[in-house]
Amino acid sequence: MKRQTWILAFGLGVIVTLATGLLPTEILMGATHYGFPLSWLIRLTLPPEFDPWRINTANLIIDATFWTAVIFLIIHLKKRIKIERLILSG
């Protein structure tokens, strides 16, 4: 695959990962978790409130890798379907 496809997939994967950080996935006693499929952003709602936001770096990297792979697969399948349509129609 071309390098541009990987760069596009990575960029969109990071955007989707950050977008999943806007919606709460779990609300547990004292904390709200954000991110999908893994929670990578945690907001503490009980004391200590001096630093209520926590980022789980490992989950963030795994999420970005997951969404990059999903988007790469979508791009690859879209190109393959387009090529097959050209072959069948020509």
N, C-alpha and C. Protein backbone atom coordinates (compact mmCIF):
# COMPACT_ATOMS: atom_id res chain seq x y z
N MET A 1 0.84 -1.19 0.00
CA MET A 1 0.00 0.00 0.00
C MET A 1 0.88 1.25 0.00
N LYS A 2 0.31 2.31 -0.50
CA LYS A 2 1.05 3.54 -0.55
C LYS A 2 1.21 4.16 0.83
N ARG A 3 2.26 4.90 0.96
CA ARG A 3 2.55 5.58 2.22
C ARG A 3 1.43 6.58 2.56
N GLN A 4 0.85 7.20 1.55
CA GLN A 4 -0.22 8.17 1.77
C GLN A 4 -1.44 7.52 2.42
N THR A 5 -1.72 6.27 2.07
CA THR A 5 -2.84 5.56 2.66
C THR A 5 -2.62 5.35 4.15
N TRP A 6 -1.40 4.97 4.52
CA TRP A 6 -1.08 4.79 5.94
C TRP A 6 -1.17 6.10 6.70
N ILE A 7 -0.68 7.18 6.10
CA ILE A 7 -0.73 8.49 6.77
C ILE A 7 -2.17 8.94 6.94
N LEU A 8 -2.99 8.76 5.92
CA LEU A 8 -4.41 9.11 6.01
C LEU A 8 -5.11 8.28 7.09
N ALA A 9 -4.85 6.97 7.09
CA ALA A 9 -5.47 6.08 8.09
C ALA A 9 -5.04 6.47 9.49
N PHE A 10 -3.76 6.79 9.67
CA PHE A 10 -3.27 7.18 11.00
C PHE A 10 -3.91 8.49 11.45
N GLY A 11 -3.95 9.47 10.56
CA GLY A 11 -4.54 10.76 10.91
C GLY A 11 -6.01 10.63 11.28
N LEU A 12 -6.76 9.89 10.49
CA LEU A 12 -8.17 9.68 10.79
C LEU A 12 -8.36 8.83 12.04
N GLY A 13 -7.46 7.87 12.25
CA GLY A 13 -7.51 7.05 13.45
C GLY A 13 -7.33 7.87 14.72
N VAL A 14 -6.40 8.80 14.68
CA VAL A 14 -6.17 9.69 15.83
C VAL A 14 -7.38 10.59 16.05
N ILE A 15 -7.96 11.10 14.97
CA ILE A 15 -9.14 11.96 15.09
C ILE A 15 -10.31 11.19 15.70
N VAL A 16 -10.54 9.97 15.24
CA VAL A 16 -11.64 9.17 15.78
C VAL A 16 -11.37 8.84 17.26
N THR A 17 -10.13 8.52 17.59
CA THR A 17 -9.78 8.23 18.98
C THR A 17 -10.08 9.43 19.87
N LEU A 18 -9.67 10.60 19.45
CA LEU A 18 -9.93 11.80 20.24
C LEU A 18 -11.42 12.11 20.30
N ALA A 19 -12.14 11.83 19.23
CA ALA A 19 -13.58 12.06 19.23
C ALA A 19 -14.29 11.14 20.22
N THR A 20 -13.79 9.91 20.37
CA THR A 20 -14.42 9.01 21.34
C THR A 20 -14.19 9.48 22.77
N GLY A 21 -13.23 10.37 22.94
CA GLY A 21 -12.99 10.94 24.27
C GLY A 21 -14.00 12.00 24.66
N LEU A 22 -14.92 12.33 23.76
CA LEU A 22 -15.95 13.32 24.07
C LEU A 22 -17.20 12.70 24.68
N LEU A 23 -17.38 11.40 24.49
CA LEU A 23 -18.59 10.73 24.96
C LEU A 23 -18.26 9.79 26.12
N PRO A 24 -19.01 9.90 27.21
CA PRO A 24 -18.76 8.99 28.34
C PRO A 24 -19.16 7.56 28.00
N THR A 25 -18.31 6.61 28.37
CA THR A 25 -18.60 5.20 28.12
C THR A 25 -19.01 4.48 29.40
N GLU A 26 -18.46 4.90 30.53
CA GLU A 26 -18.79 4.28 31.81
C GLU A 26 -18.87 5.37 32.87
N ILE A 27 -19.83 5.23 33.73
CA ILE A 27 -19.90 6.12 34.88
C ILE A 27 -19.87 5.22 36.11
N LEU A 28 -18.73 5.19 36.75
CA LEU A 28 -18.53 4.38 37.93
C LEU A 28 -18.52 5.27 39.16
N MET A 29 -18.60 4.69 40.31
CA MET A 29 -18.61 5.43 41.56
C MET A 29 -17.37 6.32 41.66
N GLY A 30 -17.57 7.61 41.54
CA GLY A 30 -16.47 8.54 41.72
C GLY A 30 -15.71 8.90 40.46
N ALA A 31 -16.05 8.33 39.31
CA ALA A 31 -15.30 8.63 38.09
C ALA A 31 -16.16 8.40 36.85
N THR A 32 -15.90 9.20 35.83
CA THR A 32 -16.52 9.02 34.52
C THR A 32 -15.41 8.68 33.54
N HIS A 33 -15.63 7.63 32.76
CA HIS A 33 -14.61 7.17 31.81
C HIS A 33 -15.02 7.54 30.40
N TYR A 34 -14.03 7.93 29.60
CA TYR A 34 -14.25 8.32 28.20
C TYR A 34 -13.31 7.53 27.31
N GLY A 35 -13.75 7.26 26.08
CA GLY A 35 -12.94 6.54 25.11
C GLY A 35 -13.57 5.21 24.75
N PHE A 36 -13.38 4.78 23.50
CA PHE A 36 -13.91 3.51 23.05
C PHE A 36 -12.96 2.90 22.03
N PRO A 37 -12.64 1.66 22.07
CA PRO A 37 -13.16 0.57 22.88
C PRO A 37 -12.58 0.51 24.28
N LEU A 38 -11.44 1.13 24.54
CA LEU A 38 -10.89 1.17 25.89
C LEU A 38 -11.03 2.58 26.45
N SER A 39 -11.31 2.67 27.73
CA SER A 39 -11.39 3.98 28.37
C SER A 39 -9.99 4.52 28.58
N TRP A 40 -9.70 5.66 27.98
CA TRP A 40 -8.36 6.23 28.12
C TRP A 40 -8.37 7.58 28.83
N LEU A 41 -9.54 8.17 29.01
CA LEU A 41 -9.66 9.45 29.71
C LEU A 41 -10.60 9.25 30.88
N ILE A 42 -10.15 9.64 32.07
CA ILE A 42 -10.93 9.45 33.29
C ILE A 42 -11.08 10.78 34.00
N ARG A 43 -12.32 11.08 34.36
CA ARG A 43 -12.59 12.31 35.12
C ARG A 43 -13.09 11.91 36.50
N LEU A 44 -12.30 12.26 37.51
CA LEU A 44 -12.67 11.95 38.89
C LEU A 44 -13.73 12.95 39.35
N THR A 45 -14.80 12.44 39.95
CA THR A 45 -15.88 13.32 40.41
C THR A 45 -15.90 13.45 41.94
N LEU A 46 -15.16 12.64 42.64
CA LEU A 46 -15.06 12.73 44.09
C LEU A 46 -13.69 13.29 44.46
N PRO A 47 -13.54 13.85 45.65
CA PRO A 47 -12.23 14.37 46.07
C PRO A 47 -11.17 13.29 45.97
N PRO A 48 -9.94 13.58 45.64
CA PRO A 48 -9.36 14.91 45.53
C PRO A 48 -9.68 15.54 44.17
N GLU A 49 -10.18 16.74 44.19
CA GLU A 49 -10.59 17.44 42.97
C GLU A 49 -9.52 18.39 42.43
N PHE A 50 -8.34 18.39 43.02
CA PHE A 50 -7.29 19.29 42.53
C PHE A 50 -6.77 18.89 41.16
N ASP A 51 -6.90 17.65 40.76
CA ASP A 51 -6.51 17.19 39.42
C ASP A 51 -7.50 16.12 38.98
N PRO A 52 -8.70 16.54 38.51
CA PRO A 52 -9.75 15.57 38.25
C PRO A 52 -9.59 14.74 36.97
N TRP A 53 -8.71 15.14 36.05
CA TRP A 53 -8.56 14.43 34.77
C TRP A 53 -7.33 13.53 34.79
N ARG A 54 -7.49 12.31 34.33
CA ARG A 54 -6.39 11.36 34.20
C ARG A 54 -6.42 10.77 32.79
N ILE A 55 -5.24 10.58 32.22
CA ILE A 55 -5.13 9.95 30.90
C ILE A 55 -4.35 8.65 31.05
N ASN A 56 -4.93 7.57 30.58
CA ASN A 56 -4.26 6.28 30.56
C ASN A 56 -3.57 6.17 29.19
N THR A 57 -2.27 6.41 29.17
CA THR A 57 -1.51 6.49 27.92
C THR A 57 -1.53 5.17 27.15
N ALA A 58 -1.41 4.06 27.83
CA ALA A 58 -1.41 2.76 27.15
C ALA A 58 -2.74 2.54 26.43
N ASN A 59 -3.85 2.81 27.09
CA ASN A 59 -5.16 2.65 26.45
C ASN A 59 -5.34 3.62 25.29
N LEU A 60 -4.80 4.84 25.42
CA LEU A 60 -4.88 5.82 24.34
C LEU A 60 -4.14 5.32 23.10
N ILE A 61 -2.96 4.77 23.28
CA ILE A 61 -2.17 4.24 22.16
C ILE A 61 -2.87 3.03 21.53
N ILE A 62 -3.42 2.16 22.37
CA ILE A 62 -4.13 0.98 21.85
C ILE A 62 -5.36 1.41 21.06
N ASP A 63 -6.11 2.40 21.58
CA ASP A 63 -7.29 2.90 20.86
C ASP A 63 -6.90 3.51 19.52
N ALA A 64 -5.84 4.32 19.50
CA ALA A 64 -5.40 4.94 18.25
C ALA A 64 -4.97 3.87 17.25
N THR A 65 -4.29 2.84 17.71
CA THR A 65 -3.88 1.75 16.83
C THR A 65 -5.10 1.00 16.30
N PHE A 66 -6.07 0.74 17.17
CA PHE A 66 -7.30 0.05 16.77
C PHE A 66 -8.03 0.84 15.69
N TRP A 67 -8.26 2.14 15.91
CA TRP A 67 -9.01 2.94 14.95
C TRP A 67 -8.23 3.15 13.66
N THR A 68 -6.89 3.22 13.74
CA THR A 68 -6.08 3.32 12.53
C THR A 68 -6.25 2.06 11.69
N ALA A 69 -6.22 0.89 12.34
CA ALA A 69 -6.39 -0.37 11.61
C ALA A 69 -7.79 -0.47 10.98
N VAL A 70 -8.81 -0.05 11.71
CA VAL A 70 -10.18 -0.10 11.18
C VAL A 70 -10.29 0.81 9.96
N ILE A 71 -9.78 2.01 10.05
CA ILE A 71 -9.88 2.95 8.94
C ILE A 71 -9.03 2.49 7.76
N PHE A 72 -7.85 1.93 8.03
CA PHE A 72 -7.03 1.40 6.94
C PHE A 72 -7.77 0.29 6.21
N LEU A 73 -8.42 -0.58 6.96
CA LEU A 73 -9.19 -1.67 6.36
C LEU A 73 -10.33 -1.12 5.50
N ILE A 74 -11.01 -0.10 5.98
CA ILE A 74 -12.10 0.51 5.20
C ILE A 74 -11.56 1.10 3.90
N ILE A 75 -10.46 1.83 3.99
CA ILE A 75 -9.86 2.44 2.78
C ILE A 75 -9.45 1.35 1.80
N HIS A 76 -8.81 0.30 2.32
CA HIS A 76 -8.34 -0.80 1.47
C HIS A 76 -9.52 -1.49 0.77
N LEU A 77 -10.57 -1.79 1.52
CA LEU A 77 -11.74 -2.45 0.93
C LEU A 77 -12.43 -1.56 -0.09
N LYS A 78 -12.49 -0.26 0.19
CA LYS A 78 -13.10 0.67 -0.76
C LYS A 78 -12.34 0.68 -2.08
N LYS A 79 -11.01 0.72 -2.00
CA LYS A 79 -10.20 0.70 -3.22
C LYS A 79 -10.36 -0.61 -3.97
N ARG A 80 -10.41 -1.70 -3.23
CA ARG A 80 -10.55 -3.02 -3.86
C ARG A 80 -11.90 -3.17 -4.56
N ILE A 81 -12.96 -2.70 -3.92
CA ILE A 81 -14.29 -2.75 -4.54
C ILE A 81 -14.33 -1.89 -5.80
N LYS A 82 -13.68 -0.73 -5.73
CA LYS A 82 -13.64 0.16 -6.90
C LYS A 82 -12.91 -0.50 -8.06
N ILE A 83 -11.80 -1.17 -7.78
CA ILE A 83 -11.04 -1.86 -8.83
C ILE A 83 -11.86 -3.01 -9.41
N GLU A 84 -12.55 -3.77 -8.56
CA GLU A 84 -13.35 -4.89 -9.05
C GLU A 84 -14.51 -4.40 -9.91
N ARG A 85 -15.10 -3.28 -9.57
CA ARG A 85 -16.18 -2.72 -10.37
C ARG A 85 -15.66 -2.30 -11.75
N LEU A 86 -14.45 -1.74 -11.79
CA LEU A 86 -13.86 -1.35 -13.07
C LEU A 86 -13.59 -2.57 -13.93
N ILE A 87 -13.12 -3.65 -13.31
CA ILE A 87 -12.82 -4.87 -14.07
C ILE A 87 -14.10 -5.49 -14.61
N LEU A 88 -15.13 -5.54 -13.76
CA LEU A 88 -16.39 -6.15 -14.20
C LEU A 88 -17.12 -5.33 -15.24
N SER A 89 -17.01 -4.00 -15.17
CA SER A 89 -17.72 -3.16 -16.12
C SER A 89 -16.97 -3.02 -17.45
N GLY A 90 -15.68 -3.29 -17.44
CA GLY A 90 -14.87 -3.09 -18.64
C GLY A 90 -14.67 -4.30 -19.38
